């Protein structure tokens, strides 16, 4: 590889890393407008293996907005990212795939919360994301997100102080 190609590849890697981090932050902060902006026009997400739905980015954002009201505290940690570049219309590097593990501690809303997200998580899940990305004129965007939940732990009422 030439230095120019290596630099371009490194810049793509950094942009993709930022996109994946932005995905986690949008979900955790409930910024559904920004969430939709992370996707290509034909972008879709599939949360069925985590008890959710599958659909276009706008539909998923609406569903997530309603669902995440149950969890005023949430914090995605996306780790062990494996990035592979692909081809689109015979142009190397116009698509990419990222496989990444996640752990997601959350806290259920309770009557006394009233917007308070303090306290330990009482719902934790983990699994693996499969992100499909495409280079657009606006930069890298998500074409697909598939969630493969592998495990979850829900604290019992006796164990979390609720009662």
Protein backbone atom coordinates (compact mmCIF):
# COMPACT_ATOMS: atom_id res chain seq x y z
CA UNK A 1 0.00 0.00 0.00
CA UNK A 2 1.10 3.54 -0.63
CA UNK A 3 1.18 6.07 2.17
CA UNK A 4 -1.77 7.88 0.59
CA UNK A 5 -3.92 4.72 0.62
CA UNK A 6 -2.85 3.91 4.18
CA UNK A 7 -3.75 7.45 5.33
CA UNK A 8 -7.12 7.27 3.58
CA UNK A 9 -7.85 3.87 5.17
CA UNK A 10 -6.91 5.21 8.62
CA UNK A 11 -9.19 8.22 8.14
CA UNK A 12 -12.05 5.89 7.13
CA UNK A 13 -11.42 3.74 10.21
CA UNK A 14 -11.57 6.79 12.48
CA UNK A 15 -14.78 8.03 10.83
CA UNK A 16 -16.40 4.61 11.25
CA UNK A 17 -15.30 4.40 14.89
CA UNK A 18 -16.89 7.81 15.47
CA UNK A 19 -20.12 6.69 13.77
CA UNK A 20 -20.38 3.62 16.01
CA UNK A 21 -19.71 5.75 19.09
CA UNK A 22 -22.31 8.29 17.93
CA UNK A 23 -24.81 5.42 17.61
CA UNK A 24 -24.30 4.45 21.26
CA UNK A 25 -24.45 8.05 22.49
CA UNK A 26 -27.65 8.79 20.52
CA UNK A 27 -29.39 5.77 22.03
CA UNK A 28 -28.16 6.51 25.55
CA UNK A 29 -29.08 10.21 25.34
CA UNK A 30 -32.37 9.60 23.54
CA UNK A 31 -31.40 11.85 20.63
CA UNK A 32 -33.66 10.24 18.03
CA UNK A 33 -33.20 12.97 15.43
CA UNK A 34 -29.44 12.43 15.48
CA UNK A 35 -30.03 8.65 15.53
CA UNK A 36 -31.98 8.85 12.25
CA UNK A 37 -29.18 10.96 10.76
CA UNK A 38 -26.66 8.16 11.30
CA UNK A 39 -28.41 6.00 8.68
CA UNK A 40 -28.31 6.01 4.90
CA UNK A 41 -31.70 6.70 3.25
CA UNK A 42 -32.27 2.94 2.87
CA UNK A 43 -30.87 2.16 6.33
CA UNK A 44 -32.61 -0.43 8.49
CA UNK A 45 -32.19 -1.88 11.96
CA UNK A 46 -33.19 -5.25 13.36
CA UNK A 47 -33.70 -5.56 17.12
CA UNK A 48 -35.84 -8.71 16.99
CA UNK A 49 -33.19 -10.91 18.66
CA UNK A 50 -33.33 -8.51 21.60
CA UNK A 51 -37.12 -8.52 21.88
CA UNK A 52 -37.69 -5.58 19.55
CA UNK A 53 -38.70 -4.85 15.99
CA UNK A 54 -37.14 -4.54 12.54
CA UNK A 55 -37.63 -1.58 10.22
CA UNK A 56 -36.36 1.62 8.65
CA UNK A 57 -34.41 4.13 10.71
CA UNK A 58 -37.40 6.45 11.25
CA UNK A 59 -39.66 3.61 12.39
CA UNK A 60 -36.96 2.27 14.71
CA UNK A 61 -36.32 5.72 16.17
CA UNK A 62 -40.02 6.10 17.02
CA UNK A 63 -40.11 2.64 18.61
CA UNK A 64 -36.90 3.31 20.57
CA UNK A 65 -38.23 6.66 21.83
CA UNK A 66 -41.24 4.88 23.35
CA UNK A 67 -39.33 1.84 24.61
CA UNK A 68 -36.44 3.72 26.20
CA UNK A 69 -38.85 5.70 28.39
CA UNK A 70 -38.84 2.55 30.54
CA UNK A 71 -35.12 3.10 31.21
CA UNK A 72 -34.15 6.63 32.32
CA UNK A 73 -30.58 5.41 32.87
CA UNK A 74 -28.80 3.57 30.07
CA UNK A 75 -25.21 3.29 28.99
CA UNK A 76 -24.07 1.31 25.94
CA UNK A 77 -20.51 0.09 25.95
CA UNK A 78 -19.50 -1.11 22.48
CA UNK A 79 -16.20 -2.99 22.46
CA UNK A 80 -14.11 -5.53 20.53
CA UNK A 81 -14.83 -3.84 17.23
CA UNK A 82 -13.79 -5.79 14.14
CA UNK A 83 -13.89 -3.71 10.97
CA UNK A 84 -13.77 -5.11 7.43
CA UNK A 85 -13.97 -3.03 4.26
CA UNK A 86 -15.96 -4.30 1.29
CA UNK A 87 -16.86 -3.32 -2.23
CA UNK A 88 -19.72 -1.43 -3.81
CA UNK A 89 -19.97 -1.24 -7.58
CA UNK A 90 -16.42 -2.62 -7.79
CA UNK A 91 -14.99 0.26 -5.75
CA UNK A 92 -13.00 -1.12 -2.85
CA UNK A 93 -13.70 0.62 0.43
CA UNK A 94 -17.20 1.97 -0.25
CA UNK A 95 -18.80 -0.46 2.19
CA UNK A 96 -17.74 -1.80 5.52
CA UNK A 97 -18.92 -4.18 8.17
CA UNK A 98 -18.30 -3.90 11.88
CA UNK A 99 -18.86 -6.70 14.34
CA UNK A 100 -18.80 -5.44 17.91
CA UNK A 101 -19.75 -6.76 21.31
CA UNK A 102 -21.87 -4.71 23.67
CA UNK A 103 -22.88 -4.57 27.28
CA UNK A 104 -25.79 -2.35 28.18
CA UNK A 105 -26.62 -1.58 31.82
CA UNK A 106 -29.95 0.18 32.30
CA UNK A 107 -32.21 1.15 35.17
CA UNK A 108 -35.97 0.72 35.11
CA UNK A 109 -38.10 3.79 35.71
CA UNK A 110 -39.88 3.81 39.04
CA UNK A 111 -42.62 6.01 40.44
CA UNK A 112 -40.11 8.14 42.33
CA UNK A 113 -37.77 8.71 39.39
CA UNK A 114 -39.33 11.85 37.90
CA UNK A 115 -36.40 12.19 35.55
CA UNK A 116 -33.83 11.03 38.11
CA UNK A 117 -31.49 8.48 36.56
CA UNK A 118 -29.34 7.92 39.65
CA UNK A 119 -28.90 4.49 41.17
CA UNK A 120 -27.50 1.17 40.12
CA UNK A 121 -28.72 -0.62 36.99
CA UNK A 122 -31.33 -3.31 37.49
CA UNK A 123 -31.38 -4.56 33.89
CA UNK A 124 -28.19 -5.53 32.07
CA UNK A 125 -27.87 -7.20 28.69
CA UNK A 126 -25.04 -8.10 26.39
CA UNK A 127 -24.49 -9.41 22.92
CA UNK A 128 -23.10 -8.53 19.53
CA UNK A 129 -23.89 -5.90 16.94
CA UNK A 130 -23.47 -6.38 13.20
CA UNK A 131 -23.17 -2.96 11.57
CA UNK A 132 -23.30 -2.60 7.77
CA UNK A 133 -21.94 0.74 6.56
CA UNK A 134 -21.84 2.57 3.27
CA UNK A 135 -19.86 5.60 2.15
CA UNK A 136 -22.18 8.43 1.08
CA UNK A 137 -21.58 12.02 -0.04
CA UNK A 138 -22.24 13.01 3.58
CA UNK A 139 -19.70 10.49 4.90
CA UNK A 140 -20.08 7.01 6.34
CA UNK A 141 -23.63 6.00 7.25
CA UNK A 142 -25.30 2.94 8.68
CA UNK A 143 -27.07 0.80 6.11
CA UNK A 144 -27.96 -1.88 8.62
CA UNK A 145 -27.78 -2.61 12.33
CA UNK A 146 -28.55 -6.07 13.65
CA UNK A 147 -28.58 -6.79 17.36
CA UNK A 148 -27.85 -10.32 18.58
CA UNK A 149 -28.59 -10.31 22.29
CA UNK A 150 -26.75 -13.19 23.97
CA UNK A 151 -27.78 -12.70 27.60
CA UNK A 152 -29.68 -10.50 30.01
CA UNK A 153 -29.98 -10.14 33.75
CA UNK A 154 -32.91 -8.51 35.50
CA UNK A 155 -32.58 -7.83 39.21
CA UNK A 156 -35.29 -9.35 41.38
CA UNK A 157 -37.58 -7.02 43.33
CA UNK A 158 -36.02 -8.22 46.57
CA UNK A 159 -32.47 -7.74 45.24
CA UNK A 160 -32.82 -4.19 43.95
CA UNK A 161 -34.45 -2.53 46.94
CA UNK A 162 -37.87 -2.26 45.32
CA UNK A 163 -40.52 -3.77 47.23
